[in-house]
Amino acid sequence: RDGLTMINMQSAFLIVAKGYSEKQVGVLFFVFGMSQFLFQAPAGYLYDYTEQKLLWLSTAGVLTTTLTVLTALFASDDNFALMVLIKFLQGGITSFIPPGLNSITQGIV
């Protein structure tokens, strides 16, 4: 539910398969976490005032999956800045999932 498994799997993949150091993975997931923190309140505000909750939630799910695949495809030491950007975007988009689930299941309109 909270994406923790996804983060653990990605960090292990980046270290073992792509040769990233623990420091590099730490930077990537710090950026991911801070991005999630920054975007979660605006995401909740959006869900409070939109009538298209399912559309926003499904879009966030598809984009999060897409960015996870892009992480696997483009991870290398040569493009660390691109990976930071991908993790920033992924954190921001992932932050739309918990408020969306809460908004839909609690019936807030």
N, C-alpha and C. Protein backbone atom coordinates (compact mmCIF):
# COMPACT_ATOMS: atom_id res chain seq x y z
N ARG A 1 0.81 -1.19 0.00
CA ARG A 1 0.00 0.00 0.00
C ARG A 1 0.85 1.26 0.00
N ASP A 2 1.93 1.27 0.76
CA ASP A 2 2.72 2.49 0.89
C ASP A 2 3.91 2.56 -0.06
N GLY A 3 4.13 1.55 -0.87
CA GLY A 3 5.21 1.58 -1.84
C GLY A 3 6.56 1.18 -1.28
N LEU A 4 6.62 0.79 0.00
CA LEU A 4 7.89 0.46 0.62
C LEU A 4 8.55 -0.74 -0.05
N THR A 5 7.77 -1.72 -0.44
CA THR A 5 8.33 -2.88 -1.13
C THR A 5 8.95 -2.48 -2.45
N MET A 6 8.28 -1.60 -3.17
CA MET A 6 8.81 -1.14 -4.45
C MET A 6 10.15 -0.44 -4.25
N ILE A 7 10.26 0.39 -3.22
CA ILE A 7 11.50 1.11 -2.97
C ILE A 7 12.62 0.13 -2.61
N ASN A 8 12.34 -0.84 -1.75
CA ASN A 8 13.36 -1.82 -1.37
C ASN A 8 13.83 -2.62 -2.58
N MET A 9 12.90 -3.01 -3.44
CA MET A 9 13.27 -3.79 -4.62
C MET A 9 14.09 -2.94 -5.59
N GLN A 10 13.71 -1.68 -5.77
CA GLN A 10 14.45 -0.81 -6.67
C GLN A 10 15.85 -0.54 -6.15
N SER A 11 15.98 -0.31 -4.85
CA SER A 11 17.31 -0.03 -4.31
C SER A 11 18.22 -1.26 -4.45
N ALA A 12 17.70 -2.44 -4.18
CA ALA A 12 18.50 -3.65 -4.35
C ALA A 12 18.89 -3.84 -5.82
N PHE A 13 17.95 -3.58 -6.73
CA PHE A 13 18.23 -3.70 -8.16
C PHE A 13 19.32 -2.72 -8.59
N LEU A 14 19.22 -1.48 -8.14
CA LEU A 14 20.19 -0.47 -8.54
C LEU A 14 21.59 -0.80 -8.02
N ILE A 15 21.67 -1.34 -6.81
CA ILE A 15 22.98 -1.67 -6.24
C ILE A 15 23.57 -2.91 -6.89
N VAL A 16 22.77 -3.96 -7.01
CA VAL A 16 23.29 -5.24 -7.48
C VAL A 16 23.45 -5.26 -9.01
N ALA A 17 22.41 -4.88 -9.74
CA ALA A 17 22.43 -5.04 -11.19
C ALA A 17 23.03 -3.86 -11.94
N LYS A 18 22.90 -2.67 -11.39
CA LYS A 18 23.36 -1.49 -12.12
C LYS A 18 24.63 -0.87 -11.55
N GLY A 19 25.13 -1.41 -10.44
CA GLY A 19 26.41 -0.95 -9.90
C GLY A 19 26.38 0.38 -9.17
N TYR A 20 25.23 0.80 -8.73
CA TYR A 20 25.15 2.04 -7.96
C TYR A 20 25.71 1.82 -6.56
N SER A 21 26.28 2.86 -5.98
CA SER A 21 26.75 2.77 -4.60
C SER A 21 25.58 3.03 -3.65
N GLU A 22 25.77 2.69 -2.39
CA GLU A 22 24.72 2.94 -1.40
C GLU A 22 24.44 4.43 -1.28
N LYS A 23 25.48 5.23 -1.44
CA LYS A 23 25.32 6.69 -1.36
C LYS A 23 24.44 7.20 -2.51
N GLN A 24 24.68 6.71 -3.71
CA GLN A 24 23.87 7.14 -4.85
C GLN A 24 22.41 6.73 -4.68
N VAL A 25 22.18 5.50 -4.23
CA VAL A 25 20.81 5.03 -4.02
C VAL A 25 20.16 5.85 -2.91
N GLY A 26 20.93 6.17 -1.87
CA GLY A 26 20.40 7.00 -0.80
C GLY A 26 19.97 8.37 -1.29
N VAL A 27 20.77 8.98 -2.16
CA VAL A 27 20.40 10.28 -2.73
C VAL A 27 19.12 10.16 -3.56
N LEU A 28 19.04 9.12 -4.38
CA LEU A 28 17.85 8.93 -5.22
C LEU A 28 16.58 8.80 -4.38
N PHE A 29 16.65 8.02 -3.33
CA PHE A 29 15.45 7.80 -2.54
C PHE A 29 15.17 8.91 -1.54
N PHE A 30 16.19 9.71 -1.22
CA PHE A 30 15.94 10.95 -0.48
C PHE A 30 15.14 11.91 -1.36
N VAL A 31 15.55 12.05 -2.60
CA VAL A 31 14.82 12.90 -3.55
C VAL A 31 13.40 12.39 -3.73
N PHE A 32 13.24 11.08 -3.87
CA PHE A 32 11.92 10.46 -4.00
C PHE A 32 11.05 10.79 -2.79
N GLY A 33 11.57 10.59 -1.60
CA GLY A 33 10.81 10.84 -0.37
C GLY A 33 10.44 12.30 -0.18
N MET A 34 11.37 13.20 -0.46
CA MET A 34 11.07 14.63 -0.30
C MET A 34 10.05 15.09 -1.34
N SER A 35 10.13 14.54 -2.52
CA SER A 35 9.15 14.88 -3.55
C SER A 35 7.76 14.41 -3.13
N GLN A 36 7.70 13.21 -2.58
CA GLN A 36 6.42 12.69 -2.08
C GLN A 36 5.87 13.61 -0.98
N PHE A 37 6.73 14.02 -0.09
CA PHE A 37 6.34 14.91 1.01
C PHE A 37 5.79 16.23 0.48
N LEU A 38 6.47 16.80 -0.51
CA LEU A 38 6.07 18.11 -1.05
C LEU A 38 4.74 18.06 -1.81
N PHE A 39 4.45 16.96 -2.47
CA PHE A 39 3.28 16.89 -3.34
C PHE A 39 2.05 16.25 -2.71
N GLN A 40 2.18 15.65 -1.53
CA GLN A 40 1.03 14.92 -0.98
C GLN A 40 -0.10 15.84 -0.56
N ALA A 41 0.19 16.97 0.07
CA ALA A 41 -0.88 17.89 0.46
C ALA A 41 -1.59 18.49 -0.75
N PRO A 42 -0.86 18.96 -1.77
CA PRO A 42 -1.56 19.44 -2.97
C PRO A 42 -2.39 18.35 -3.65
N ALA A 43 -1.91 17.11 -3.60
CA ALA A 43 -2.68 16.00 -4.19
C ALA A 43 -3.98 15.80 -3.43
N GLY A 44 -3.93 15.85 -2.11
CA GLY A 44 -5.14 15.73 -1.30
C GLY A 44 -6.12 16.86 -1.58
N TYR A 45 -5.59 18.06 -1.74
CA TYR A 45 -6.44 19.22 -2.06
C TYR A 45 -7.14 19.01 -3.41
N LEU A 46 -6.38 18.50 -4.38
CA LEU A 46 -6.97 18.23 -5.70
C LEU A 46 -8.10 17.22 -5.59
N TYR A 47 -7.89 16.15 -4.85
CA TYR A 47 -8.93 15.12 -4.70
C TYR A 47 -10.15 15.65 -3.97
N ASP A 48 -9.95 16.59 -3.07
CA ASP A 48 -11.10 17.16 -2.36
C ASP A 48 -12.03 17.93 -3.29
N TYR A 49 -11.48 18.48 -4.35
CA TYR A 49 -12.28 19.37 -5.20
C TYR A 49 -12.52 18.86 -6.62
N THR A 50 -12.11 17.65 -6.91
CA THR A 50 -12.33 17.14 -8.27
C THR A 50 -13.46 16.11 -8.27
N GLU A 51 -14.09 16.01 -9.40
CA GLU A 51 -15.10 14.98 -9.60
C GLU A 51 -14.52 13.77 -10.33
N GLN A 52 -13.26 13.85 -10.73
CA GLN A 52 -12.64 12.80 -11.53
C GLN A 52 -11.57 12.06 -10.72
N LYS A 53 -11.95 11.59 -9.55
CA LYS A 53 -11.03 10.93 -8.65
C LYS A 53 -10.42 9.66 -9.25
N LEU A 54 -11.24 8.84 -9.87
CA LEU A 54 -10.74 7.60 -10.47
C LEU A 54 -9.76 7.87 -11.61
N LEU A 55 -10.02 8.88 -12.39
CA LEU A 55 -9.12 9.23 -13.49
C LEU A 55 -7.75 9.64 -12.95
N TRP A 56 -7.74 10.50 -11.93
CA TRP A 56 -6.48 10.94 -11.34
C TRP A 56 -5.73 9.77 -10.71
N LEU A 57 -6.44 8.92 -10.00
CA LEU A 57 -5.81 7.78 -9.34
C LEU A 57 -5.25 6.78 -10.35
N SER A 58 -6.01 6.47 -11.38
CA SER A 58 -5.52 5.51 -12.38
C SER A 58 -4.35 6.09 -13.17
N THR A 59 -4.39 7.38 -13.45
CA THR A 59 -3.28 8.03 -14.14
C THR A 59 -2.02 7.98 -13.28
N ALA A 60 -2.17 8.23 -11.99
CA ALA A 60 -1.01 8.16 -11.09
C ALA A 60 -0.44 6.75 -11.04
N GLY A 61 -1.30 5.75 -11.04
CA GLY A 61 -0.82 4.37 -11.03
C GLY A 61 -0.07 4.00 -12.29
N VAL A 62 -0.60 4.40 -13.43
CA VAL A 62 0.06 4.10 -14.71
C VAL A 62 1.39 4.84 -14.81
N LEU A 63 1.42 6.10 -14.43
CA LEU A 63 2.67 6.87 -14.52
C LEU A 63 3.72 6.36 -13.54
N THR A 64 3.30 5.96 -12.36
CA THR A 64 4.24 5.41 -11.39
C THR A 64 4.87 4.13 -11.93
N THR A 65 4.05 3.28 -12.53
CA THR A 65 4.57 2.05 -13.12
C THR A 65 5.52 2.36 -14.27
N THR A 66 5.15 3.31 -15.10
CA THR A 66 6.00 3.70 -16.23
C THR A 66 7.35 4.21 -15.74
N LEU A 67 7.35 5.05 -14.71
CA LEU A 67 8.61 5.58 -14.19
C LEU A 67 9.45 4.50 -13.53
N THR A 68 8.82 3.49 -12.95
CA THR A 68 9.57 2.36 -12.39
C THR A 68 10.27 1.59 -13.51
N VAL A 69 9.58 1.38 -14.61
CA VAL A 69 10.20 0.70 -15.76
C VAL A 69 11.32 1.55 -16.34
N LEU A 70 11.12 2.87 -16.42
CA LEU A 70 12.17 3.76 -16.92
C LEU A 70 13.40 3.72 -16.02
N THR A 71 13.18 3.56 -14.72
CA THR A 71 14.30 3.43 -13.79
C THR A 71 15.14 2.21 -14.17
N ALA A 72 14.48 1.11 -14.43
CA ALA A 72 15.21 -0.11 -14.78
C ALA A 72 15.92 0.02 -16.13
N LEU A 73 15.30 0.70 -17.07
CA LEU A 73 15.88 0.82 -18.41
C LEU A 73 17.06 1.78 -18.48
N PHE A 74 16.96 2.93 -17.79
CA PHE A 74 17.94 3.99 -17.98
C PHE A 74 18.95 4.13 -16.85
N ALA A 75 18.91 3.28 -15.85
CA ALA A 75 19.84 3.41 -14.73
C ALA A 75 21.26 3.07 -15.17
N SER A 76 22.15 4.04 -14.98
CA SER A 76 23.58 3.81 -15.19
C SER A 76 24.32 4.97 -14.53
N ASP A 77 25.62 4.79 -14.35
CA ASP A 77 26.42 5.85 -13.72
C ASP A 77 26.51 7.09 -14.60
N ASP A 78 26.34 6.91 -15.89
CA ASP A 78 26.50 8.02 -16.82
C ASP A 78 25.38 9.06 -16.73
N ASN A 79 24.20 8.65 -16.32
CA ASN A 79 23.07 9.57 -16.32
C ASN A 79 22.41 9.67 -14.93
N PHE A 80 23.23 9.93 -13.93
CA PHE A 80 22.71 10.03 -12.57
C PHE A 80 21.73 11.19 -12.44
N ALA A 81 21.98 12.30 -13.14
CA ALA A 81 21.06 13.44 -13.07
C ALA A 81 19.68 13.07 -13.62
N LEU A 82 19.65 12.27 -14.67
CA LEU A 82 18.37 11.81 -15.21
C LEU A 82 17.65 10.95 -14.18
N MET A 83 18.39 10.11 -13.49
CA MET A 83 17.78 9.26 -12.47
C MET A 83 17.21 10.09 -11.32
N VAL A 84 17.91 11.16 -10.94
CA VAL A 84 17.39 12.06 -9.90
C VAL A 84 16.08 12.68 -10.37
N LEU A 85 16.04 13.12 -11.62
CA LEU A 85 14.80 13.69 -12.18
C LEU A 85 13.68 12.66 -12.20
N ILE A 86 13.98 11.44 -12.62
CA ILE A 86 12.96 10.39 -12.65
C ILE A 86 12.42 10.12 -11.25
N LYS A 87 13.31 10.05 -10.26
CA LYS A 87 12.87 9.80 -8.88
C LYS A 87 12.07 10.97 -8.33
N PHE A 88 12.41 12.20 -8.70
CA PHE A 88 11.63 13.35 -8.27
C PHE A 88 10.22 13.27 -8.84
N LEU A 89 10.12 12.99 -10.13
CA LEU A 89 8.80 12.86 -10.77
C LEU A 89 8.02 11.68 -10.19
N GLN A 90 8.72 10.56 -9.98
CA GLN A 90 8.04 9.38 -9.44
C GLN A 90 7.52 9.64 -8.03
N GLY A 91 8.29 10.33 -7.22
CA GLY A 91 7.82 10.66 -5.88
C GLY A 91 6.60 11.56 -5.91
N GLY A 92 6.64 12.57 -6.79
CA GLY A 92 5.50 13.47 -6.90
C GLY A 92 4.25 12.77 -7.38
N ILE A 93 4.40 11.90 -8.35
CA ILE A 93 3.24 11.19 -8.89
C ILE A 93 2.74 10.13 -7.90
N THR A 94 3.66 9.45 -7.24
CA THR A 94 3.27 8.44 -6.26
C THR A 94 2.48 9.06 -5.11
N SER A 95 2.76 10.31 -4.81
CA SER A 95 2.06 10.98 -3.71
C SER A 95 0.57 11.16 -3.99
N PHE A 96 0.15 10.96 -5.21
CA PHE A 96 -1.27 11.07 -5.55
C PHE A 96 -2.06 9.80 -5.22
N ILE A 97 -1.36 8.72 -4.93
CA ILE A 97 -2.06 7.44 -4.72
C ILE A 97 -2.74 7.36 -3.34
N PRO A 98 -2.04 7.56 -2.21
CA PRO A 98 -2.75 7.44 -0.91
C PRO A 98 -3.93 8.38 -0.74
N PRO A 99 -3.80 9.69 -1.08
CA PRO A 99 -4.98 10.55 -0.94
C PRO A 99 -6.13 10.13 -1.86
N GLY A 100 -5.78 9.60 -3.04
CA GLY A 100 -6.81 9.15 -3.97
C GLY A 100 -7.57 7.96 -3.42
N LEU A 101 -6.84 7.00 -2.87
CA LEU A 101 -7.48 5.83 -2.27
C LEU A 101 -8.35 6.24 -1.08
N ASN A 102 -7.84 7.13 -0.24
CA ASN A 102 -8.61 7.59 0.91
C ASN A 102 -9.86 8.36 0.46
N SER A 103 -9.70 9.21 -0.52
CA SER A 103 -10.84 10.01 -0.99
C SER A 103 -11.94 9.15 -1.56
N ILE A 104 -11.56 8.15 -2.32
CA ILE A 104 -12.55 7.28 -2.96
C ILE A 104 -13.22 6.37 -1.93
N THR A 105 -12.41 5.76 -1.06
CA THR A 105 -13.00 4.81 -0.11
C THR A 105 -13.82 5.47 0.98
N GLN A 106 -13.51 6.72 1.29
CA GLN A 106 -14.29 7.41 2.33
C GLN A 106 -15.47 8.17 1.73
N GLY A 107 -15.57 8.22 0.43
CA GLY A 107 -16.71 8.85 -0.22
C GLY A 107 -16.74 10.36 -0.11
N ILE A 108 -15.57 10.96 0.03
CA ILE A 108 -15.52 12.42 0.14
C ILE A 108 -15.75 13.02 -1.24
N VAL A 109 -16.66 13.97 -1.29
CA VAL A 109 -16.95 14.64 -2.58
C VAL A 109 -16.70 16.11 -2.47
